[in-house]
Amino acid sequence: MDLKKHLCECNNMATWVYMSSSSSDASPFHCDDCVPRGCTCHNKSEPPPKDSTNWKWIQHNVIWAKIDSQGREFPCCEFEYDEEGFDVDDDTN
């Protein structure tokens, strides 16, 4: 039996869910293309790694952040990722 998965507003399978405790009417479920990216929780002010290219300047020569293999910043640390998506609970359809 295949379980139903939560969908992003674009109708792709959601692989990210916002785990914040704040209440909102917005859906917490997002696909990898629609999830908001770039958050100060990932910003660093110490010198960036010299042996890596998986980072970019946020504020030139001051603040940097790691990026994924596609050059995108990561979502806020309050998002949880699951490449298999999130099952829909039958009690909350």
PDB file of N, CA and C in Angstrom:
ATOM      1  N   MET A   1       0.842  -1.183   0.000  1.00  0.00           N
ATOM      2  CA  MET A   1       0.000   0.000   0.000  1.00  0.00           C
ATOM      3  C   MET A   1       0.886   1.244   0.000  1.00  0.00           C
ATOM      4  N   ASP A   2       0.718   2.093  -1.011  1.00  0.00           N
ATOM      5  CA  ASP A   2       1.474   3.339  -1.077  1.00  0.00           C
ATOM      6  C   ASP A   2       0.826   4.379  -0.177  1.00  0.00           C
ATOM      7  N   LEU A   3       1.661   5.007   0.641  1.00  0.00           N
ATOM      8  CA  LEU A   3       1.170   6.071   1.502  1.00  0.00           C
ATOM      9  C   LEU A   3       1.117   7.368   0.725  1.00  0.00           C
ATOM     10  N   LYS A   4       0.075   8.161   1.016  1.00  0.00           N
ATOM     11  CA  LYS A   4      -0.014   9.477   0.405  1.00  0.00           C
ATOM     12  C   LYS A   4       1.042  10.371   1.038  1.00  0.00           C
ATOM     13  N   LYS A   5       1.632  11.247   0.229  1.00  0.00           N
ATOM     14  CA  LYS A   5       2.661  12.175   0.691  1.00  0.00           C
ATOM     15  C   LYS A   5       2.118  13.604   0.651  1.00  0.00           C
ATOM     16  N   HIS A   6       2.608  14.426   1.561  1.00  0.00           N
ATOM     17  CA  HIS A   6       2.255  15.845   1.530  1.00  0.00           C
ATOM     18  C   HIS A   6       2.840  16.457   0.273  1.00  0.00           C
ATOM     19  N   LEU A   7       2.114  17.399  -0.296  1.00  0.00           N
ATOM     20  CA  LEU A   7       2.553  18.082  -1.498  1.00  0.00           C
ATOM     21  C   LEU A   7       2.880  19.544  -1.195  1.00  0.00           C
ATOM     22  N   CYS A   8       3.776  20.078  -1.979  1.00  0.00           N
ATOM     23  CA  CYS A   8       4.079  21.501  -1.971  1.00  0.00           C
ATOM     24  C   CYS A   8       2.920  22.208  -2.679  1.00  0.00           C
ATOM     25  N   GLU A   9       2.830  23.513  -2.542  1.00  0.00           N
ATOM     26  CA  GLU A   9       1.775  24.260  -3.237  1.00  0.00           C
ATOM     27  C   GLU A   9       1.882  24.137  -4.758  1.00  0.00           C
ATOM     28  N   CYS A  10       3.075  23.792  -5.278  1.00  0.00           N
ATOM     29  CA  CYS A  10       3.257  23.611  -6.728  1.00  0.00           C
ATOM     30  C   CYS A  10       2.849  22.198  -7.171  1.00  0.00           C
ATOM     31  N   ASN A  11       2.395  21.364  -6.234  1.00  0.00           N
ATOM     32  CA  ASN A  11       1.950  19.984  -6.450  1.00  0.00           C
ATOM     33  C   ASN A  11       3.084  18.969  -6.588  1.00  0.00           C
ATOM     34  N   ASN A  12       4.324  19.361  -6.360  1.00  0.00           N
ATOM     35  CA  ASN A  12       5.419  18.391  -6.262  1.00  0.00           C
ATOM     36  C   ASN A  12       5.431  17.819  -4.847  1.00  0.00           C
ATOM     37  N   MET A  13       6.043  16.644  -4.692  1.00  0.00           N
ATOM     38  CA  MET A  13       6.154  16.050  -3.369  1.00  0.00           C
ATOM     39  C   MET A  13       6.997  16.947  -2.464  1.00  0.00           C
ATOM     40  N   ALA A  14       6.516  17.188  -1.266  1.00  0.00           N
ATOM     41  CA  ALA A  14       7.246  18.010  -0.304  1.00  0.00           C
ATOM     42  C   ALA A  14       8.376  17.188   0.315  1.00  0.00           C
ATOM     43  N   THR A  15       9.574  17.750   0.274  1.00  0.00           N
ATOM     44  CA  THR A  15      10.729  17.109   0.906  1.00  0.00           C
ATOM     45  C   THR A  15      11.242  17.939   2.078  1.00  0.00           C
ATOM     46  N   TRP A  16      10.668  19.118   2.275  1.00  0.00           N
ATOM     47  CA  TRP A  16      11.017  19.995   3.397  1.00  0.00           C
ATOM     48  C   TRP A  16       9.750  20.338   4.160  1.00  0.00           C
ATOM     49  N   VAL A  17       9.849  20.383   5.487  1.00  0.00           N
ATOM     50  CA  VAL A  17       8.721  20.815   6.316  1.00  0.00           C
ATOM     51  C   VAL A  17       9.253  21.803   7.351  1.00  0.00           C
ATOM     52  N   TYR A  18       8.514  22.894   7.531  1.00  0.00           N
ATOM     53  CA  TYR A  18       8.896  23.926   8.489  1.00  0.00           C
ATOM     54  C   TYR A  18       8.446  23.480   9.869  1.00  0.00           C
ATOM     55  N   MET A  19       9.397  23.381  10.799  1.00  0.00           N
ATOM     56  CA  MET A  19       9.119  22.820  12.122  1.00  0.00           C
ATOM     57  C   MET A  19       8.944  23.890  13.206  1.00  0.00           C
ATOM     58  N   SER A  20       8.774  25.145  12.811  1.00  0.00           N
ATOM     59  CA  SER A  20       8.642  26.225  13.783  1.00  0.00           C
ATOM     60  C   SER A  20       7.381  26.033  14.622  1.00  0.00           C
ATOM     61  N   SER A  21       7.415  26.556  15.819  1.00  0.00           N
ATOM     62  CA  SER A  21       6.251  26.442  16.697  1.00  0.00           C
ATOM     63  C   SER A  21       5.239  27.563  16.460  1.00  0.00           C
ATOM     64  N   SER A  22       5.564  28.518  15.594  1.00  0.00           N
ATOM     65  CA  SER A  22       4.632  29.621  15.340  1.00  0.00           C
ATOM     66  C   SER A  22       3.442  29.117  14.536  1.00  0.00           C
ATOM     67  N   SER A  23       2.306  29.728  14.765  1.00  0.00           N
ATOM     68  CA  SER A  23       1.112  29.319  14.036  1.00  0.00           C
ATOM     69  C   SER A  23       0.959  30.188  12.795  1.00  0.00           C
ATOM     70  N   SER A  24       0.557  29.558  11.719  1.00  0.00           N
ATOM     71  CA  SER A  24       0.376  30.252  10.458  1.00  0.00           C
ATOM     72  C   SER A  24      -0.603  29.447   9.618  1.00  0.00           C
ATOM     73  N   ASP A  25      -1.302  30.141   8.735  1.00  0.00           N
ATOM     74  CA  ASP A  25      -2.209  29.447   7.821  1.00  0.00           C
ATOM     75  C   ASP A  25      -1.471  28.894   6.610  1.00  0.00           C
ATOM     76  N   ALA A  26      -0.228  29.316   6.415  1.00  0.00           N
ATOM     77  CA  ALA A  26       0.554  28.843   5.276  1.00  0.00           C
ATOM     78  C   ALA A  26       0.961  27.386   5.478  1.00  0.00           C
ATOM     79  N   SER A  27       1.023  26.667   4.387  1.00  0.00           N
ATOM     80  CA  SER A  27       1.455  25.268   4.457  1.00  0.00           C
ATOM     81  C   SER A  27       2.924  25.205   4.864  1.00  0.00           C
ATOM     82  N   PRO A  28       3.267  24.302   5.786  1.00  0.00           N
ATOM     83  CA  PRO A  28       4.670  24.156   6.175  1.00  0.00           C
ATOM     84  C   PRO A  28       5.458  23.252   5.217  1.00  0.00           C
ATOM     85  N   PHE A  29       4.789  22.681   4.210  1.00  0.00           N
ATOM     86  CA  PHE A  29       5.411  21.703   3.318  1.00  0.00           C
ATOM     87  C   PHE A  29       5.890  22.351   2.023  1.00  0.00           C
ATOM     88  N   HIS A  30       7.145  22.050   1.637  1.00  0.00           N
ATOM     89  CA  HIS A  30       7.752  22.640   0.444  1.00  0.00           C
ATOM     90  C   HIS A  30       8.570  21.588  -0.293  1.00  0.00           C
ATOM     91  N   CYS A  31       8.601  21.693  -1.626  1.00  0.00           N
ATOM     92  CA  CYS A  31       9.506  20.859  -2.412  1.00  0.00           C
ATOM     93  C   CYS A  31      10.886  21.522  -2.413  1.00  0.00           C
ATOM     94  N   ASP A  32      11.873  20.855  -2.995  1.00  0.00           N
ATOM     95  CA  ASP A  32      13.238  21.368  -2.988  1.00  0.00           C
ATOM     96  C   ASP A  32      13.374  22.653  -3.816  1.00  0.00           C
ATOM     97  N   ASP A  33      12.514  22.828  -4.810  1.00  0.00           N
ATOM     98  CA  ASP A  33      12.567  24.041  -5.634  1.00  0.00           C
ATOM     99  C   ASP A  33      11.888  25.234  -4.962  1.00  0.00           C
ATOM    100  N   CYS A  34      10.870  24.991  -4.156  1.00  0.00           N
ATOM    101  CA  CYS A  34      10.072  26.085  -3.579  1.00  0.00           C
ATOM    102  C   CYS A  34      10.445  26.476  -2.152  1.00  0.00           C
ATOM    103  N   VAL A  35      11.216  25.656  -1.455  1.00  0.00           N
ATOM    104  CA  VAL A  35      11.551  25.957  -0.067  1.00  0.00           C
ATOM    105  C   VAL A  35      12.309  27.289  -0.002  1.00  0.00           C
ATOM    106  N   PRO A  36      11.960  28.161   0.932  1.00  0.00           N
ATOM    107  CA  PRO A  36      12.718  29.415   1.065  1.00  0.00           C
ATOM    108  C   PRO A  36      14.155  29.122   1.465  1.00  0.00           C
ATOM    109  N   ARG A  37      15.090  29.793   0.837  1.00  0.00           N
ATOM    110  CA  ARG A  37      16.503  29.554   1.092  1.00  0.00           C
ATOM    111  C   ARG A  37      17.186  30.836   1.548  1.00  0.00           C
ATOM    112  N   GLY A  38      18.274  30.631   2.284  1.00  0.00           N
ATOM    113  CA  GLY A  38      19.037  31.767   2.782  1.00  0.00           C
ATOM    114  C   GLY A  38      18.461  32.240   4.098  1.00  0.00           C
ATOM    115  N   CYS A  39      19.198  32.035   5.152  1.00  0.00           N
ATOM    116  CA  CYS A  39      18.756  32.423   6.490  1.00  0.00           C
ATOM    117  C   CYS A  39      19.994  32.810   7.294  1.00  0.00           C
ATOM    118  N   THR A  40      19.845  33.774   8.153  1.00  0.00           N
ATOM    119  CA  THR A  40      20.987  34.214   8.956  1.00  0.00           C
ATOM    120  C   THR A  40      21.502  33.114   9.879  1.00  0.00           C
ATOM    121  N   CYS A  41      20.717  32.069  10.127  1.00  0.00           N
ATOM    122  CA  CYS A  41      21.185  30.986  10.995  1.00  0.00           C
ATOM    123  C   CYS A  41      22.373  30.246  10.396  1.00  0.00           C
ATOM    124  N   HIS A  42      22.587  30.377   9.089  1.00  0.00           N
ATOM    125  CA  HIS A  42      23.716  29.710   8.419  1.00  0.00           C
ATOM    126  C   HIS A  42      24.874  30.658   8.126  1.00  0.00           C
ATOM    127  N   ASN A  43      24.715  31.950   8.400  1.00  0.00           N
ATOM    128  CA  ASN A  43      25.765  32.919   8.096  1.00  0.00           C
ATOM    129  C   ASN A  43      26.951  32.776   9.043  1.00  0.00           C
ATOM    130  N   LYS A  44      28.133  32.921   8.497  1.00  0.00           N
ATOM    131  CA  LYS A  44      29.380  32.805   9.259  1.00  0.00           C
ATOM    132  C   LYS A  44      30.184  34.087   9.085  1.00  0.00           C
ATOM    133  N   SER A  45      30.891  34.473  10.149  1.00  0.00           N
ATOM    134  CA  SER A  45      31.744  35.656  10.046  1.00  0.00           C
ATOM    135  C   SER A  45      33.231  35.325  10.186  1.00  0.00           C
ATOM    136  N   GLU A  46      33.564  34.087  10.588  1.00  0.00           N
ATOM    137  CA  GLU A  46      34.972  33.693  10.625  1.00  0.00           C
ATOM    138  C   GLU A  46      35.459  33.498   9.187  1.00  0.00           C
ATOM    139  N   PRO A  47      36.747  33.443   8.955  1.00  0.00           N
ATOM    140  CA  PRO A  47      37.242  33.272   7.577  1.00  0.00           C
ATOM    141  C   PRO A  47      36.663  32.011   6.927  1.00  0.00           C
ATOM    142  N   PRO A  48      36.275  32.100   5.643  1.00  0.00           N
ATOM    143  CA  PRO A  48      35.726  30.924   4.952  1.00  0.00           C
ATOM    144  C   PRO A  48      36.803  29.876   4.710  1.00  0.00           C
ATOM    145  N   PRO A  49      36.403  28.620   4.495  1.00  0.00           N
ATOM    146  CA  PRO A  49      37.380  27.554   4.248  1.00  0.00           C
ATOM    147  C   PRO A  49      38.139  27.793   2.948  1.00  0.00           C
ATOM    148  N   LYS A  50      39.451  27.665   3.015  1.00  0.00           N
ATOM    149  CA  LYS A  50      40.288  27.894   1.826  1.00  0.00           C
ATOM    150  C   LYS A  50      40.316  26.680   0.906  1.00  0.00           C
ATOM    151  N   ASP A  51      39.992  25.492   1.435  1.00  0.00           N
ATOM    152  CA  ASP A  51      40.082  24.268   0.641  1.00  0.00           C
ATOM    153  C   ASP A  51      38.726  23.822   0.093  1.00  0.00           C
ATOM    154  N   SER A  52      37.758  24.729   0.052  1.00  0.00           N
ATOM    155  CA  SER A  52      36.421  24.355  -0.388  1.00  0.00           C
ATOM    156  C   SER A  52      35.802  25.481  -1.211  1.00  0.00           C
ATOM    157  N   THR A  53      34.952  25.106  -2.153  1.00  0.00           N
ATOM    158  CA  THR A  53      34.235  26.099  -2.957  1.00  0.00           C
ATOM    159  C   THR A  53      32.738  26.051  -2.685  1.00  0.00           C
ATOM    160  N   ASN A  54      32.324  25.297  -1.671  1.00  0.00           N
ATOM    161  CA  ASN A  54      30.882  25.162  -1.405  1.00  0.00           C
ATOM    162  C   ASN A  54      30.398  26.243  -0.434  1.00  0.00           C
ATOM    163  N   TRP A  55      30.733  27.484  -0.734  1.00  0.00           N
ATOM    164  CA  TRP A  55      30.281  28.616   0.051  1.00  0.00           C
ATOM    165  C   TRP A  55      30.231  29.850  -0.852  1.00  0.00           C
ATOM    166  N   LYS A  56      29.521  30.884  -0.389  1.00  0.00           N
ATOM    167  CA  LYS A  56      29.472  32.143  -1.135  1.00  0.00           C
ATOM    168  C   LYS A  56      29.399  33.305  -0.158  1.00  0.00           C
ATOM    169  N   TRP A  57      29.832  34.456  -0.621  1.00  0.00           N
ATOM    170  CA  TRP A  57      29.743  35.655   0.200  1.00  0.00           C
ATOM    171  C   TRP A  57      28.296  36.121   0.273  1.00  0.00           C
ATOM    172  N   ILE A  58      27.848  36.450   1.465  1.00  0.00           N
ATOM    173  CA  ILE A  58      26.541  37.075   1.679  1.00  0.00           C
ATOM    174  C   ILE A  58      26.763  38.588   1.726  1.00  0.00           C
ATOM    175  N   GLN A  59      27.772  38.984   2.472  1.00  0.00           N
ATOM    176  CA  GLN A  59      28.244  40.371   2.502  1.00  0.00           C
ATOM    177  C   GLN A  59      29.739  40.295   2.217  1.00  0.00           C
ATOM    178  N   HIS A  60      30.177  40.820   1.081  1.00  0.00           N
ATOM    179  CA  HIS A  60      31.543  40.616   0.577  1.00  0.00           C
ATOM    180  C   HIS A  60      32.612  40.862   1.641  1.00  0.00           C
ATOM    181  N   ASN A  61      33.466  39.831   1.820  1.00  0.00           N
ATOM    182  CA  ASN A  61      34.588  39.847   2.767  1.00  0.00           C
ATOM    183  C   ASN A  61      34.178  39.999   4.230  1.00  0.00           C
ATOM    184  N   VAL A  62      32.897  39.800   4.530  1.00  0.00           N
ATOM    185  CA  VAL A  62      32.432  39.930   5.920  1.00  0.00           C
ATOM    186  C   VAL A  62      31.646  38.698   6.365  1.00  0.00           C
ATOM    187  N   ILE A  63      30.596  38.330   5.613  1.00  0.00           N
ATOM    188  CA  ILE A  63      29.710  37.227   5.998  1.00  0.00           C
ATOM    189  C   ILE A  63      29.576  36.267   4.819  1.00  0.00           C
ATOM    190  N   TRP A  64      29.678  34.963   5.113  1.00  0.00           N
ATOM    191  CA  TRP A  64      29.538  33.942   4.091  1.00  0.00           C
ATOM    192  C   TRP A  64      28.614  32.843   4.582  1.00  0.00           C
ATOM    193  N   ALA A  65      28.162  31.981   3.657  1.00  0.00           N
ATOM    194  CA  ALA A  65      27.305  30.842   3.997  1.00  0.00           C
ATOM    195  C   ALA A  65      27.638  29.679   3.077  1.00  0.00           C
ATOM    196  N   LYS A  66      27.430  28.472   3.571  1.00  0.00           N
ATOM    197  CA  LYS A  66      27.616  27.273   2.751  1.00  0.00           C
ATOM    198  C   LYS A  66      26.505  27.204   1.715  1.00  0.00           C
ATOM    199  N   ILE A  67      26.818  26.550   0.586  1.00  0.00           N
ATOM    200  CA  ILE A  67      25.840  26.344  -0.481  1.00  0.00           C
ATOM    201  C   ILE A  67      25.821  24.872  -0.868  1.00  0.00           C
ATOM    202  N   ASP A  68      24.719  24.458  -1.493  1.00  0.00           N
ATOM    203  CA  ASP A  68      24.608  23.062  -1.910  1.00  0.00           C
ATOM    204  C   ASP A  68      25.295  22.861  -3.270  1.00  0.00           C
ATOM    205  N   SER A  69      25.197  21.664  -3.811  1.00  0.00           N
ATOM    206  CA  SER A  69      25.878  21.327  -5.055  1.00  0.00           C
ATOM    207  C   SER A  69      25.328  22.097  -6.254  1.00  0.00           C
ATOM    208  N   GLN A  70      24.164  22.723  -6.095  1.00  0.00           N
ATOM    209  CA  GLN A  70      23.573  23.525  -7.169  1.00  0.00           C
ATOM    210  C   GLN A  70      23.810  25.022  -6.951  1.00  0.00           C
ATOM    211  N   GLY A  71      24.634  25.363  -5.949  1.00  0.00           N
ATOM    212  CA  GLY A  71      24.957  26.757  -5.690  1.00  0.00           C
ATOM    213  C   GLY A  71      23.905  27.513  -4.907  1.00  0.00           C
ATOM    214  N   ARG A  72      22.981  26.786  -4.277  1.00  0.00           N
ATOM    215  CA  ARG A  72      21.899  27.423  -3.525  1.00  0.00           C
ATOM    216  C   ARG A  72      22.223  27.434  -2.040  1.00  0.00           C
ATOM    217  N   GLU A  73      21.789  28.498  -1.365  1.00  0.00           N
ATOM    218  CA  GLU A  73      21.906  28.516   0.087  1.00  0.00           C
ATOM    219  C   GLU A  73      20.943  27.484   0.668  1.00  0.00           C
ATOM    220  N   PHE A  74      21.188  27.090   1.903  1.00  0.00           N
ATOM    221  CA  PHE A  74      20.326  26.121   2.568  1.00  0.00           C
ATOM    222  C   PHE A  74      19.125  26.816   3.200  1.00  0.00           C
ATOM    223  N   PRO A  75      18.010  26.096   3.369  1.00  0.00           N
ATOM    224  CA  PRO A  75      16.875  26.661   4.086  1.00  0.00           C
ATOM    225  C   PRO A  75      17.217  26.886   5.560  1.00  0.00           C
ATOM    226  N   CYS A  76      16.388  27.616   6.235  1.00  0.00           N
ATOM    227  CA  CYS A  76      16.547  27.861   7.666  1.00  0.00           C
ATOM    228  C   CYS A  76      16.688  26.539   8.414  1.00  0.00           C
ATOM    229  N   CYS A  77      17.393  26.576   9.521  1.00  0.00           N
ATOM    230  CA  CYS A  77      17.603  25.364  10.321  1.00  0.00           C
ATOM    231  C   CYS A  77      16.305  24.860  10.952  1.00  0.00           C
ATOM    232  N   GLU A  78      15.225  25.623  10.852  1.00  0.00           N
ATOM    233  CA  GLU A  78      13.932  25.175  11.372  1.00  0.00           C
ATOM    234  C   GLU A  78      13.173  24.309  10.363  1.00  0.00           C
ATOM    235  N   PHE A  79      13.771  24.047   9.207  1.00  0.00           N
ATOM    236  CA  PHE A  79      13.195  23.128   8.226  1.00  0.00           C
ATOM    237  C   PHE A  79      13.820  21.752   8.411  1.00  0.00           C
ATOM    238  N   GLU A  80      12.990  20.727   8.282  1.00  0.00           N
ATOM    239  CA  GLU A  80      13.460  19.340   8.307  1.00  0.00           C
ATOM    240  C   GLU A  80      13.359  18.790   6.891  1.00  0.00           C
ATOM    241  N   TYR A  81      14.354  18.003   6.491  1.00  0.00           N
ATOM    242  CA  TYR A  81      14.406  17.437   5.143  1.00  0.00           C
ATOM    243  C   TYR A  81      14.220  15.930   5.184  1.00  0.00           C
ATOM    244  N   ASP A  82      13.457  15.403   4.228  1.00  0.00           N
ATOM    245  CA  ASP A  82      13.325  13.961   4.044  1.00  0.00           C
ATOM    246  C   ASP A  82      13.165  13.704   2.551  1.00  0.00           C
ATOM    247  N   GLU A  83      14.172  13.077   1.943  1.00  0.00           N
ATOM    248  CA  GLU A  83      14.129  12.862   0.493  1.00  0.00           C
ATOM    249  C   GLU A  83      12.960  11.979   0.066  1.00  0.00           C
ATOM    250  N   GLU A  84      12.374  11.215   0.991  1.00  0.00           N
ATOM    251  CA  GLU A  84      11.237  10.360   0.666  1.00  0.00           C
ATOM    252  C   GLU A  84       9.906  11.051   0.934  1.00  0.00           C
ATOM    253  N   GLY A  85       9.942  12.290   1.376  1.00  0.00           N
ATOM    254  CA  GLY A  85       8.715  13.043   1.622  1.00  0.00           C
ATOM    255  C   GLY A  85       8.114  12.732   2.978  1.00  0.00           C
ATOM    256  N   PHE A  86       6.960  13.326   3.218  1.00  0.00           N
ATOM    257  CA  PHE A  86       6.286  13.226   4.509  1.00  0.00           C
ATOM    258  C   PHE A  86       4.904  12.613   4.322  1.00  0.00           C
ATOM    259  N   ASP A  87       4.656  11.516   5.041  1.00  0.00           N
ATOM    260  CA  ASP A  87       3.366  10.814   4.910  1.00  0.00           C
ATOM    261  C   ASP A  87       2.225  11.674   5.422  1.00  0.00           C
ATOM    262  N   VAL A  88       1.098  11.579   4.706  1.00  0.00           N
ATOM    263  CA  VAL A  88      -0.124  12.255   5.145  1.00  0.00           C
ATOM    264  C   VAL A  88      -0.770  11.395   6.217  1.00  0.00           C
ATOM    265  N   ASP A  89      -1.072  11.991   7.344  1.00  0.00           N
ATOM    266  CA  ASP A  89      -1.764  11.298   8.423  1.00  0.00           C
ATOM    267  C   ASP A  89      -3.243  11.213   8.062  1.00  0.00           C
ATOM    268  N   ASP A  90      -3.791  10.006   7.990  1.00  0.00           N
ATOM    269  CA  ASP A  90      -5.178   9.819   7.581  1.00  0.00           C
ATOM    270  C   ASP A  90      -6.160  10.592   8.460  1.00  0.00           C
ATOM    271  N   ASP A  91      -5.812  10.894   9.696  1.00  0.00           N
ATOM    272  CA  ASP A  91      -6.701  11.607  10.599  1.00  0.00           C
ATOM    273  C   ASP A  91      -6.769  13.105  10.295  1.00  0.00           C
ATOM    274  N   THR A  92      -5.865  13.617   9.452  1.00  0.00           N
ATOM    275  CA  THR A  92      -5.821  15.056   9.190  1.00  0.00           C
ATOM    276  C   THR A  92      -6.080  15.404   7.735  1.00  0.00           C
ATOM    277  N   ASN A  93      -6.673  14.483   6.967  1.00  0.00           N
ATOM    278  CA  ASN A  93      -6.912  14.749   5.535  1.00  0.00           C
ATOM    279  C   ASN A  93      -7.656  16.023   5.353  1.00  0.00           C
TER     280      ASN A  93
END
